[in-house]
């Protein structure tokens, strides 16, 4: 039988008072899989090509991730720049995004779940000198198993803007509970 990660309430029911001695070896393996947590990341191992046509509406940040880490309980994808959760739970989404872009432009980056804005992310202005800098975004997300995809969306304070994501940029998920 496959080891199954379970929610806290399912574990509490499964491992309740054992006076009937009904806790099986499978129940214990399921408990271990559940408490060990999940993780995974997509990242840029090299500078990406510029993404243009960024405007005042959120649009998916594309063509930046080219590598993935080992993962557990989620599936990161370099080709689609996202992470699909395979185990339900409370997940910490983290991004460290190093980017440059159109000068004198404020960019907002948001975490999306199944293309729906979570409202969480960060805002960063690229100055007149065309600087490159890193911004960090964090979100705690309640995700369902196998059905939800986490990715990054971006918008600018004007139309026809561009952004280039640089080496080391990362989108990661860590299961908390």
N, C-alpha and C. Protein backbone atom coordinates (compact mmCIF):
# COMPACT_ATOMS: atom_id res chain seq x y z
N UNK A 1 0.84 -1.18 0.00
CA UNK A 1 0.00 0.00 0.00
C UNK A 1 0.89 1.24 0.00
N UNK A 2 0.47 2.26 -0.71
CA UNK A 2 1.21 3.51 -0.80
C UNK A 2 1.10 4.29 0.50
N UNK A 3 2.23 4.84 0.95
CA UNK A 3 2.21 5.72 2.12
C UNK A 3 1.49 7.00 1.74
N UNK A 4 0.58 7.47 2.61
CA UNK A 4 -0.27 8.61 2.29
C UNK A 4 -0.09 9.71 3.32
N UNK A 5 0.24 10.91 2.85
CA UNK A 5 0.29 12.07 3.75
C UNK A 5 -1.14 12.43 4.12
N UNK A 6 -1.37 12.70 5.39
CA UNK A 6 -2.71 12.98 5.89
C UNK A 6 -2.76 14.32 6.61
N UNK A 7 -3.96 14.87 6.72
CA UNK A 7 -4.15 16.13 7.45
C UNK A 7 -3.99 15.88 8.93
N UNK A 8 -3.83 16.95 9.69
CA UNK A 8 -3.71 16.83 11.14
C UNK A 8 -4.94 16.16 11.76
N UNK A 9 -6.12 16.56 11.33
CA UNK A 9 -7.33 15.96 11.91
C UNK A 9 -7.42 14.47 11.58
N UNK A 10 -6.99 14.08 10.37
CA UNK A 10 -7.00 12.66 10.01
C UNK A 10 -6.00 11.88 10.86
N UNK A 11 -4.82 12.48 11.12
CA UNK A 11 -3.84 11.82 11.98
C UNK A 11 -4.35 11.68 13.41
N UNK A 12 -5.01 12.73 13.91
CA UNK A 12 -5.53 12.67 15.27
C UNK A 12 -6.57 11.56 15.41
N UNK A 13 -7.39 11.38 14.39
CA UNK A 13 -8.38 10.30 14.40
C UNK A 13 -7.69 8.95 14.27
N UNK A 14 -6.75 8.86 13.35
CA UNK A 14 -6.03 7.62 13.07
C UNK A 14 -5.23 7.13 14.28
N UNK A 15 -4.61 8.06 14.99
CA UNK A 15 -3.72 7.71 16.09
C UNK A 15 -4.31 8.07 17.45
N UNK A 16 -5.62 8.02 17.53
CA UNK A 16 -6.29 8.31 18.80
C UNK A 16 -5.91 7.25 19.84
N UNK A 17 -6.50 7.32 20.98
CA UNK A 17 -6.26 6.36 22.05
C UNK A 17 -6.21 4.94 21.47
N UNK A 18 -5.11 4.26 21.70
CA UNK A 18 -4.89 2.95 21.09
C UNK A 18 -5.25 1.79 22.02
N UNK A 19 -6.26 1.96 22.85
CA UNK A 19 -6.63 0.89 23.77
C UNK A 19 -7.09 -0.37 23.04
N UNK A 20 -7.59 -0.21 21.81
CA UNK A 20 -8.02 -1.37 21.02
C UNK A 20 -6.86 -1.96 20.22
N UNK A 21 -5.68 -1.36 20.34
CA UNK A 21 -4.48 -1.78 19.62
C UNK A 21 -4.75 -1.92 18.12
N UNK A 22 -5.39 -0.89 17.57
CA UNK A 22 -5.79 -0.93 16.16
C UNK A 22 -4.87 -0.11 15.25
N UNK A 23 -3.78 0.44 15.78
CA UNK A 23 -2.87 1.21 14.95
C UNK A 23 -1.98 0.23 14.19
N UNK A 24 -2.08 0.30 12.87
CA UNK A 24 -1.34 -0.64 12.02
C UNK A 24 0.03 -0.07 11.63
N UNK A 25 0.92 -0.93 11.14
CA UNK A 25 2.20 -0.43 10.61
C UNK A 25 1.98 0.60 9.49
N UNK A 26 0.93 0.41 8.66
CA UNK A 26 0.63 1.38 7.61
C UNK A 26 0.25 2.73 8.20
N UNK A 27 -0.54 2.72 9.30
CA UNK A 27 -0.91 3.96 9.96
C UNK A 27 0.34 4.72 10.41
N UNK A 28 1.32 4.01 10.93
CA UNK A 28 2.56 4.65 11.39
C UNK A 28 3.36 5.20 10.21
N UNK A 29 3.42 4.47 9.11
CA UNK A 29 4.12 4.98 7.92
C UNK A 29 3.42 6.23 7.38
N UNK A 30 2.09 6.22 7.37
CA UNK A 30 1.33 7.40 6.93
C UNK A 30 1.63 8.60 7.83
N UNK A 31 1.74 8.35 9.13
CA UNK A 31 2.05 9.44 10.06
C UNK A 31 3.43 10.02 9.75
N UNK A 32 4.41 9.16 9.49
CA UNK A 32 5.76 9.64 9.19
C UNK A 32 5.78 10.46 7.90
N UNK A 33 5.11 10.00 6.86
CA UNK A 33 5.04 10.74 5.60
C UNK A 33 4.38 12.09 5.82
N UNK A 34 3.39 12.13 6.68
CA UNK A 34 2.65 13.36 6.94
C UNK A 34 3.49 14.40 7.66
N UNK A 35 4.27 13.99 8.64
CA UNK A 35 5.00 14.97 9.45
C UNK A 35 6.34 15.37 8.84
N UNK A 36 6.82 14.63 7.85
CA UNK A 36 8.12 14.95 7.26
C UNK A 36 8.06 16.15 6.32
N UNK A 37 6.89 16.51 5.86
CA UNK A 37 6.74 17.72 5.06
C UNK A 37 7.10 17.54 3.60
N UNK A 38 6.78 18.56 2.81
CA UNK A 38 7.06 18.54 1.39
C UNK A 38 7.83 19.78 0.99
N UNK A 39 8.44 19.73 -0.18
CA UNK A 39 9.25 20.85 -0.65
C UNK A 39 9.50 20.71 -2.14
N UNK A 40 9.86 21.79 -2.77
CA UNK A 40 10.24 21.78 -4.17
C UNK A 40 10.43 23.20 -4.66
N UNK A 41 11.21 23.36 -5.73
CA UNK A 41 11.47 24.70 -6.25
C UNK A 41 11.77 24.66 -7.74
N UNK A 42 11.41 25.73 -8.42
CA UNK A 42 11.83 26.00 -9.79
C UNK A 42 12.72 27.24 -9.70
N UNK A 43 13.81 27.26 -10.50
CA UNK A 43 14.72 28.39 -10.39
C UNK A 43 15.40 28.68 -11.73
N UNK A 44 16.03 29.84 -11.78
CA UNK A 44 16.76 30.27 -12.99
C UNK A 44 18.24 29.99 -12.80
N UNK A 45 18.78 29.08 -13.60
CA UNK A 45 20.21 28.77 -13.55
C UNK A 45 21.00 29.72 -14.46
N UNK A 46 20.29 30.52 -15.24
CA UNK A 46 20.92 31.51 -16.12
C UNK A 46 19.93 32.67 -16.29
N UNK A 47 20.44 33.81 -16.76
CA UNK A 47 19.55 34.94 -17.03
C UNK A 47 18.53 34.54 -18.11
N UNK A 48 17.31 35.00 -17.93
CA UNK A 48 16.23 34.69 -18.88
C UNK A 48 16.16 35.76 -19.97
N UNK A 49 15.40 35.47 -20.99
CA UNK A 49 15.10 36.47 -22.01
C UNK A 49 14.10 37.47 -21.44
N UNK A 50 14.09 38.66 -21.96
CA UNK A 50 13.15 39.69 -21.49
C UNK A 50 11.72 39.29 -21.81
N UNK A 51 10.83 39.56 -20.87
CA UNK A 51 9.39 39.38 -21.11
C UNK A 51 8.82 40.78 -21.33
N UNK A 52 8.22 40.99 -22.49
CA UNK A 52 7.70 42.32 -22.82
C UNK A 52 6.18 42.34 -22.72
N UNK A 53 5.61 43.48 -23.05
CA UNK A 53 4.15 43.68 -23.04
C UNK A 53 3.54 43.52 -21.66
N UNK A 54 4.28 43.88 -20.62
CA UNK A 54 3.72 43.87 -19.27
C UNK A 54 3.00 45.18 -19.06
N UNK A 55 1.76 45.10 -18.63
CA UNK A 55 0.95 46.30 -18.43
C UNK A 55 0.40 46.38 -17.02
N UNK A 56 -0.74 47.05 -16.88
CA UNK A 56 -1.31 47.32 -15.56
C UNK A 56 -2.18 46.18 -15.04
N UNK A 57 -2.38 45.13 -15.83
CA UNK A 57 -3.11 43.95 -15.38
C UNK A 57 -2.12 42.82 -15.11
N UNK A 58 -2.39 42.02 -14.10
CA UNK A 58 -1.51 40.91 -13.78
C UNK A 58 -1.46 39.91 -14.94
N UNK A 59 -0.24 39.50 -15.29
CA UNK A 59 0.00 38.51 -16.33
C UNK A 59 1.04 37.52 -15.83
N UNK A 60 0.96 36.28 -16.27
CA UNK A 60 1.89 35.26 -15.79
C UNK A 60 3.32 35.61 -16.15
N UNK A 61 4.22 35.49 -15.17
CA UNK A 61 5.65 35.67 -15.40
C UNK A 61 6.14 34.40 -16.08
N UNK A 62 6.66 34.53 -17.30
CA UNK A 62 7.01 33.35 -18.11
C UNK A 62 8.47 33.37 -18.53
N UNK A 63 8.90 32.22 -19.03
CA UNK A 63 10.23 32.05 -19.65
C UNK A 63 11.37 32.45 -18.72
N UNK A 64 11.26 32.13 -17.45
CA UNK A 64 12.37 32.48 -16.56
C UNK A 64 12.99 31.25 -15.89
N UNK A 65 12.20 30.27 -15.49
CA UNK A 65 12.75 29.11 -14.79
C UNK A 65 13.28 28.10 -15.81
N UNK A 66 14.48 27.59 -15.56
CA UNK A 66 15.04 26.58 -16.45
C UNK A 66 15.53 25.35 -15.72
N UNK A 67 15.32 25.29 -14.41
CA UNK A 67 15.78 24.16 -13.61
C UNK A 67 14.83 23.91 -12.44
N UNK A 68 14.85 22.69 -11.90
CA UNK A 68 14.05 22.37 -10.73
C UNK A 68 14.91 21.61 -9.72
N UNK A 69 14.50 21.68 -8.46
CA UNK A 69 15.18 20.95 -7.40
C UNK A 69 14.52 19.59 -7.22
N UNK A 70 15.13 18.77 -6.39
CA UNK A 70 14.43 17.57 -5.97
C UNK A 70 13.18 18.02 -5.22
N UNK A 71 12.18 17.19 -5.21
CA UNK A 71 10.94 17.62 -4.58
C UNK A 71 10.27 16.44 -3.89
N UNK A 72 9.35 16.79 -3.00
CA UNK A 72 8.56 15.80 -2.28
C UNK A 72 7.19 16.42 -2.05
N UNK A 73 6.14 15.72 -2.41
CA UNK A 73 4.75 16.13 -2.22
C UNK A 73 4.33 17.31 -3.10
N UNK A 74 5.16 17.65 -4.08
CA UNK A 74 4.81 18.66 -5.07
C UNK A 74 5.68 18.43 -6.30
N UNK A 75 5.26 19.02 -7.43
CA UNK A 75 6.00 18.83 -8.68
C UNK A 75 6.34 20.18 -9.29
N UNK A 76 7.59 20.62 -9.14
CA UNK A 76 8.00 21.87 -9.79
C UNK A 76 8.24 21.63 -11.28
N UNK A 77 7.94 22.64 -12.09
CA UNK A 77 8.13 22.54 -13.55
C UNK A 77 8.90 23.75 -14.06
N UNK A 78 10.03 23.47 -14.72
CA UNK A 78 10.79 24.55 -15.35
C UNK A 78 10.11 25.01 -16.63
N UNK A 79 9.43 24.11 -17.31
CA UNK A 79 8.82 24.48 -18.59
C UNK A 79 7.59 25.37 -18.42
N UNK A 80 6.89 25.25 -17.30
CA UNK A 80 5.71 26.09 -17.07
C UNK A 80 5.90 27.08 -15.92
N UNK A 81 7.09 27.12 -15.33
CA UNK A 81 7.43 28.05 -14.24
C UNK A 81 6.40 28.02 -13.11
N UNK A 82 6.07 26.82 -12.64
CA UNK A 82 5.10 26.71 -11.56
C UNK A 82 5.38 25.45 -10.74
N UNK A 83 4.61 25.28 -9.69
CA UNK A 83 4.72 24.10 -8.84
C UNK A 83 3.31 23.57 -8.59
N UNK A 84 3.10 22.28 -8.88
CA UNK A 84 1.82 21.63 -8.64
C UNK A 84 1.90 20.85 -7.34
N UNK A 85 0.96 21.10 -6.45
CA UNK A 85 0.93 20.43 -5.14
C UNK A 85 0.27 19.07 -5.30
N UNK A 86 0.88 18.03 -4.72
CA UNK A 86 0.33 16.68 -4.79
C UNK A 86 -0.18 16.18 -3.44
N UNK A 87 0.00 16.98 -2.39
CA UNK A 87 -0.49 16.65 -1.05
C UNK A 87 -1.14 17.89 -0.44
N UNK A 88 -2.36 17.73 0.04
CA UNK A 88 -3.08 18.86 0.65
C UNK A 88 -2.36 19.34 1.90
N UNK A 89 -2.52 20.62 2.20
CA UNK A 89 -1.95 21.14 3.43
C UNK A 89 -1.77 22.65 3.38
N UNK A 90 -1.14 23.14 4.42
CA UNK A 90 -0.76 24.54 4.52
C UNK A 90 0.67 24.63 4.00
N UNK A 91 0.88 25.44 2.97
CA UNK A 91 2.18 25.54 2.32
C UNK A 91 2.72 26.97 2.42
N UNK A 92 4.02 27.10 2.63
CA UNK A 92 4.71 28.38 2.57
C UNK A 92 5.26 28.54 1.16
N UNK A 93 4.81 29.56 0.46
CA UNK A 93 5.32 29.89 -0.87
C UNK A 93 6.35 31.00 -0.70
N UNK A 94 7.50 30.85 -1.32
CA UNK A 94 8.59 31.81 -1.21
C UNK A 94 9.13 32.09 -2.60
N UNK A 95 9.36 33.36 -2.88
CA UNK A 95 10.10 33.70 -4.09
C UNK A 95 11.18 34.70 -3.75
N UNK A 96 12.35 34.48 -4.34
CA UNK A 96 13.44 35.45 -4.32
C UNK A 96 13.69 35.74 -5.79
N UNK A 97 13.28 36.90 -6.23
CA UNK A 97 13.29 37.22 -7.65
C UNK A 97 14.26 38.36 -7.91
N UNK A 98 15.31 38.07 -8.66
CA UNK A 98 16.27 39.08 -9.08
C UNK A 98 15.90 39.48 -10.51
N UNK A 99 15.63 40.76 -10.70
CA UNK A 99 15.19 41.18 -12.03
C UNK A 99 15.58 42.62 -12.34
N UNK A 100 15.59 42.90 -13.64
CA UNK A 100 15.74 44.25 -14.15
C UNK A 100 14.56 44.48 -15.07
N UNK A 101 14.40 45.72 -15.51
CA UNK A 101 13.26 45.98 -16.39
C UNK A 101 13.22 47.41 -16.85
N UNK A 102 12.09 47.79 -17.39
CA UNK A 102 11.89 49.16 -17.87
C UNK A 102 12.23 50.14 -16.76
N UNK A 103 12.97 51.19 -17.10
CA UNK A 103 13.40 52.16 -16.09
C UNK A 103 12.23 52.97 -15.54
N UNK A 104 12.41 53.45 -14.32
CA UNK A 104 11.40 54.25 -13.62
C UNK A 104 10.03 53.57 -13.61
N UNK A 105 10.04 52.27 -13.36
CA UNK A 105 8.80 51.50 -13.38
C UNK A 105 8.66 50.72 -12.08
N UNK A 106 7.46 50.76 -11.52
CA UNK A 106 7.16 49.96 -10.34
C UNK A 106 6.46 48.69 -10.79
N UNK A 107 7.01 47.56 -10.36
CA UNK A 107 6.44 46.24 -10.69
C UNK A 107 5.84 45.62 -9.44
N UNK A 108 4.73 44.94 -9.60
CA UNK A 108 4.15 44.13 -8.53
C UNK A 108 4.19 42.67 -8.98
N UNK A 109 4.64 41.79 -8.09
CA UNK A 109 4.66 40.35 -8.36
C UNK A 109 3.77 39.70 -7.31
N UNK A 110 2.88 38.82 -7.76
CA UNK A 110 1.93 38.16 -6.85
C UNK A 110 1.94 36.66 -7.04
N UNK A 111 1.72 35.95 -5.95
CA UNK A 111 1.51 34.50 -6.02
C UNK A 111 0.09 34.25 -6.52
N UNK A 112 -0.05 33.34 -7.45
CA UNK A 112 -1.36 32.92 -7.94
C UNK A 112 -1.53 31.44 -7.68
N UNK A 113 -2.75 31.05 -7.35
CA UNK A 113 -3.11 29.65 -7.17
C UNK A 113 -4.19 29.36 -8.21
N UNK A 114 -3.88 28.43 -9.11
CA UNK A 114 -4.80 28.13 -10.22
C UNK A 114 -5.24 29.42 -10.94
N UNK A 115 -4.28 30.28 -11.21
CA UNK A 115 -4.49 31.55 -11.92
C UNK A 115 -5.37 32.54 -11.17
N UNK A 116 -5.55 32.34 -9.87
CA UNK A 116 -6.31 33.29 -9.04
C UNK A 116 -5.33 34.01 -8.11
N UNK A 117 -5.38 35.32 -8.09
CA UNK A 117 -4.48 36.15 -7.29
C UNK A 117 -4.68 35.89 -5.81
N UNK A 118 -3.59 35.55 -5.11
CA UNK A 118 -3.65 35.33 -3.66
C UNK A 118 -3.65 36.65 -2.90
N UNK A 119 -3.26 37.74 -3.58
CA UNK A 119 -3.15 39.04 -2.92
C UNK A 119 -1.81 39.22 -2.21
N UNK A 120 -0.98 38.19 -2.22
CA UNK A 120 0.31 38.25 -1.53
C UNK A 120 1.46 38.25 -2.53
N UNK A 121 2.49 39.02 -2.23
CA UNK A 121 3.65 39.12 -3.10
C UNK A 121 4.51 40.29 -2.68
N UNK A 122 4.99 41.06 -3.65
CA UNK A 122 5.82 42.22 -3.34
C UNK A 122 5.73 43.26 -4.44
N UNK A 123 6.27 44.44 -4.14
CA UNK A 123 6.35 45.53 -5.11
C UNK A 123 7.78 46.06 -5.10
N UNK A 124 8.31 46.35 -6.30
CA UNK A 124 9.67 46.88 -6.39
C UNK A 124 9.76 47.84 -7.56
N UNK A 125 10.46 48.96 -7.34
CA UNK A 125 10.66 49.94 -8.41
C UNK A 125 12.05 49.77 -9.01
N UNK A 126 12.10 49.76 -10.33
CA UNK A 126 13.36 49.80 -11.07
C UNK A 126 13.63 51.27 -11.36
N UNK A 127 14.77 51.76 -10.91
CA UNK A 127 15.08 53.18 -11.02
C UNK A 127 15.53 53.62 -12.41
N UNK A 128 15.95 54.86 -12.49
CA UNK A 128 16.35 55.46 -13.77
C UNK A 128 17.61 54.83 -14.33
N UNK A 129 18.44 54.25 -13.46
CA UNK A 129 19.70 53.65 -13.90
C UNK A 129 19.55 52.23 -14.42
N UNK A 130 18.34 51.71 -14.45
CA UNK A 130 18.13 50.35 -14.94
C UNK A 130 18.73 49.31 -14.03
N UNK A 131 18.61 49.49 -12.72
CA UNK A 131 19.24 48.61 -11.75
C UNK A 131 18.68 47.18 -11.79
N UNK A 132 19.45 46.28 -11.20
CA UNK A 132 19.05 44.89 -10.99
C UNK A 132 19.02 44.68 -9.49
N UNK A 133 17.94 44.11 -9.00
CA UNK A 133 17.87 43.87 -7.57
C UNK A 133 16.98 42.69 -7.27
N UNK A 134 17.05 42.23 -6.04
CA UNK A 134 16.25 41.09 -5.61
C UNK A 134 15.14 41.56 -4.69
N UNK A 135 13.99 40.97 -4.86
CA UNK A 135 12.87 41.21 -3.96
C UNK A 135 12.39 39.85 -3.47
N UNK A 136 11.90 39.82 -2.25
CA UNK A 136 11.45 38.58 -1.61
C UNK A 136 9.94 38.66 -1.39
N UNK A 137 9.25 37.56 -1.70
CA UNK A 137 7.82 37.46 -1.45
C UNK A 137 7.52 36.19 -0.69
N UNK A 138 6.58 36.27 0.25
CA UNK A 138 6.16 35.11 1.05
C UNK A 138 4.65 35.05 1.09
N UNK A 139 4.11 33.84 1.11
CA UNK A 139 2.67 33.66 1.26
C UNK A 139 2.41 32.33 1.96
N UNK A 140 1.43 32.30 2.82
CA UNK A 140 0.98 31.04 3.42
C UNK A 140 -0.32 30.68 2.72
N UNK A 141 -0.32 29.51 2.08
CA UNK A 141 -1.44 29.11 1.22
C UNK A 141 -2.03 27.79 1.70
N UNK A 142 -3.35 27.71 1.74
CA UNK A 142 -4.06 26.48 2.05
C UNK A 142 -4.37 25.80 0.72
N UNK A 143 -3.65 24.71 0.40
CA UNK A 143 -3.73 24.09 -0.92
C UNK A 143 -4.32 22.69 -0.86
N UNK A 144 -5.07 22.33 -1.90
CA UNK A 144 -5.68 21.01 -2.02
C UNK A 144 -4.76 20.10 -2.84
N UNK A 145 -4.76 18.81 -2.53
CA UNK A 145 -3.86 17.86 -3.18
C UNK A 145 -4.15 17.69 -4.67
N UNK A 146 -3.09 17.80 -5.45
CA UNK A 146 -3.14 17.44 -6.86
C UNK A 146 -3.95 18.34 -7.76
N UNK A 147 -4.54 19.38 -7.23
CA UNK A 147 -5.41 20.20 -8.07
C UNK A 147 -4.94 21.64 -8.17
N UNK A 148 -3.99 22.04 -7.37
CA UNK A 148 -3.64 23.46 -7.36
C UNK A 148 -2.22 23.70 -7.82
N UNK A 149 -2.08 24.73 -8.65
CA UNK A 149 -0.80 25.11 -9.24
C UNK A 149 -0.46 26.50 -8.74
N UNK A 150 0.76 26.66 -8.21
CA UNK A 150 1.23 27.95 -7.70
C UNK A 150 2.24 28.51 -8.70
N UNK A 151 2.03 29.77 -9.08
CA UNK A 151 2.96 30.44 -9.96
C UNK A 151 2.99 31.93 -9.66
N UNK A 152 3.79 32.67 -10.43
CA UNK A 152 3.98 34.10 -10.21
C UNK A 152 3.36 34.89 -11.36
N UNK A 153 2.68 35.97 -11.00
CA UNK A 153 2.14 36.90 -11.99
C UNK A 153 2.75 38.27 -11.72
N UNK A 154 2.81 39.11 -12.75
CA UNK A 154 3.46 40.41 -12.64
C UNK A 154 2.62 41.48 -13.33
N UNK A 155 2.71 42.71 -12.82
CA UNK A 155 2.13 43.86 -13.51
C UNK A 155 3.01 45.07 -13.24
N UNK A 156 2.79 46.12 -14.02
CA UNK A 156 3.60 47.34 -13.93
C UNK A 156 2.68 48.54 -13.72
N UNK A 157 3.29 49.69 -13.45
CA UNK A 157 2.51 50.91 -13.26
C UNK A 157 2.24 51.64 -14.57
N UNK A 158 2.48 50.98 -15.69
CA UNK A 158 2.22 51.54 -17.01
C UNK A 158 2.13 50.43 -18.05
N UNK A 159 1.93 50.82 -19.29
CA UNK A 159 1.77 49.81 -20.34
C UNK A 159 3.09 49.58 -21.08
N UNK A 160 3.17 48.47 -21.79
CA UNK A 160 4.30 48.11 -22.66
C UNK A 160 5.64 48.11 -21.93
N UNK A 161 5.66 47.56 -20.74
CA UNK A 161 6.89 47.46 -19.94
C UNK A 161 7.52 46.09 -20.16
N UNK A 162 8.80 45.96 -19.80
CA UNK A 162 9.48 44.67 -19.92
C UNK A 162 10.26 44.38 -18.65
N UNK A 163 10.53 43.08 -18.46
CA UNK A 163 11.28 42.64 -17.29
C UNK A 163 12.16 41.47 -17.69
N UNK A 164 13.35 41.40 -17.10
CA UNK A 164 14.27 40.28 -17.32
C UNK A 164 14.59 39.67 -15.96
N UNK A 165 14.32 38.39 -15.82
CA UNK A 165 14.62 37.68 -14.58
C UNK A 165 16.05 37.15 -14.67
N UNK A 166 16.80 37.31 -13.56
CA UNK A 166 18.22 36.97 -13.56
C UNK A 166 18.51 35.69 -12.78
N UNK A 167 19.70 35.19 -13.01
CA UNK A 167 20.18 33.94 -12.43
C UNK A 167 19.95 33.91 -10.91
N UNK A 168 19.55 32.76 -10.42
CA UNK A 168 19.34 32.56 -8.99
C UNK A 168 17.92 32.81 -8.53
N UNK A 169 17.08 33.36 -9.37
CA UNK A 169 15.69 33.61 -8.98
C UNK A 169 14.99 32.28 -8.73
N UNK A 170 14.12 32.25 -7.71
CA UNK A 170 13.53 31.00 -7.27
C UNK A 170 12.08 31.17 -6.87
N UNK A 171 11.28 30.14 -7.16
CA UNK A 171 9.93 29.97 -6.60
C UNK A 171 9.96 28.64 -5.87
N UNK A 172 9.66 28.66 -4.58
CA UNK A 172 9.73 27.44 -3.77
C UNK A 172 8.47 27.27 -2.93
N UNK A 173 8.13 26.03 -2.65
CA UNK A 173 7.04 25.68 -1.72
C UNK A 173 7.57 24.76 -0.65
N UNK A 174 7.11 24.99 0.59
CA UNK A 174 7.46 24.15 1.73
C UNK A 174 6.17 23.87 2.48
N UNK A 175 5.83 22.57 2.67
CA UNK A 175 4.60 22.23 3.38
C UNK A 175 4.83 22.38 4.88
N UNK A 176 3.96 23.17 5.51
CA UNK A 176 4.06 23.42 6.94
C UNK A 176 3.20 22.47 7.76
N UNK A 177 2.03 22.15 7.24
CA UNK A 177 1.10 21.27 7.98
C UNK A 177 0.14 20.60 7.02
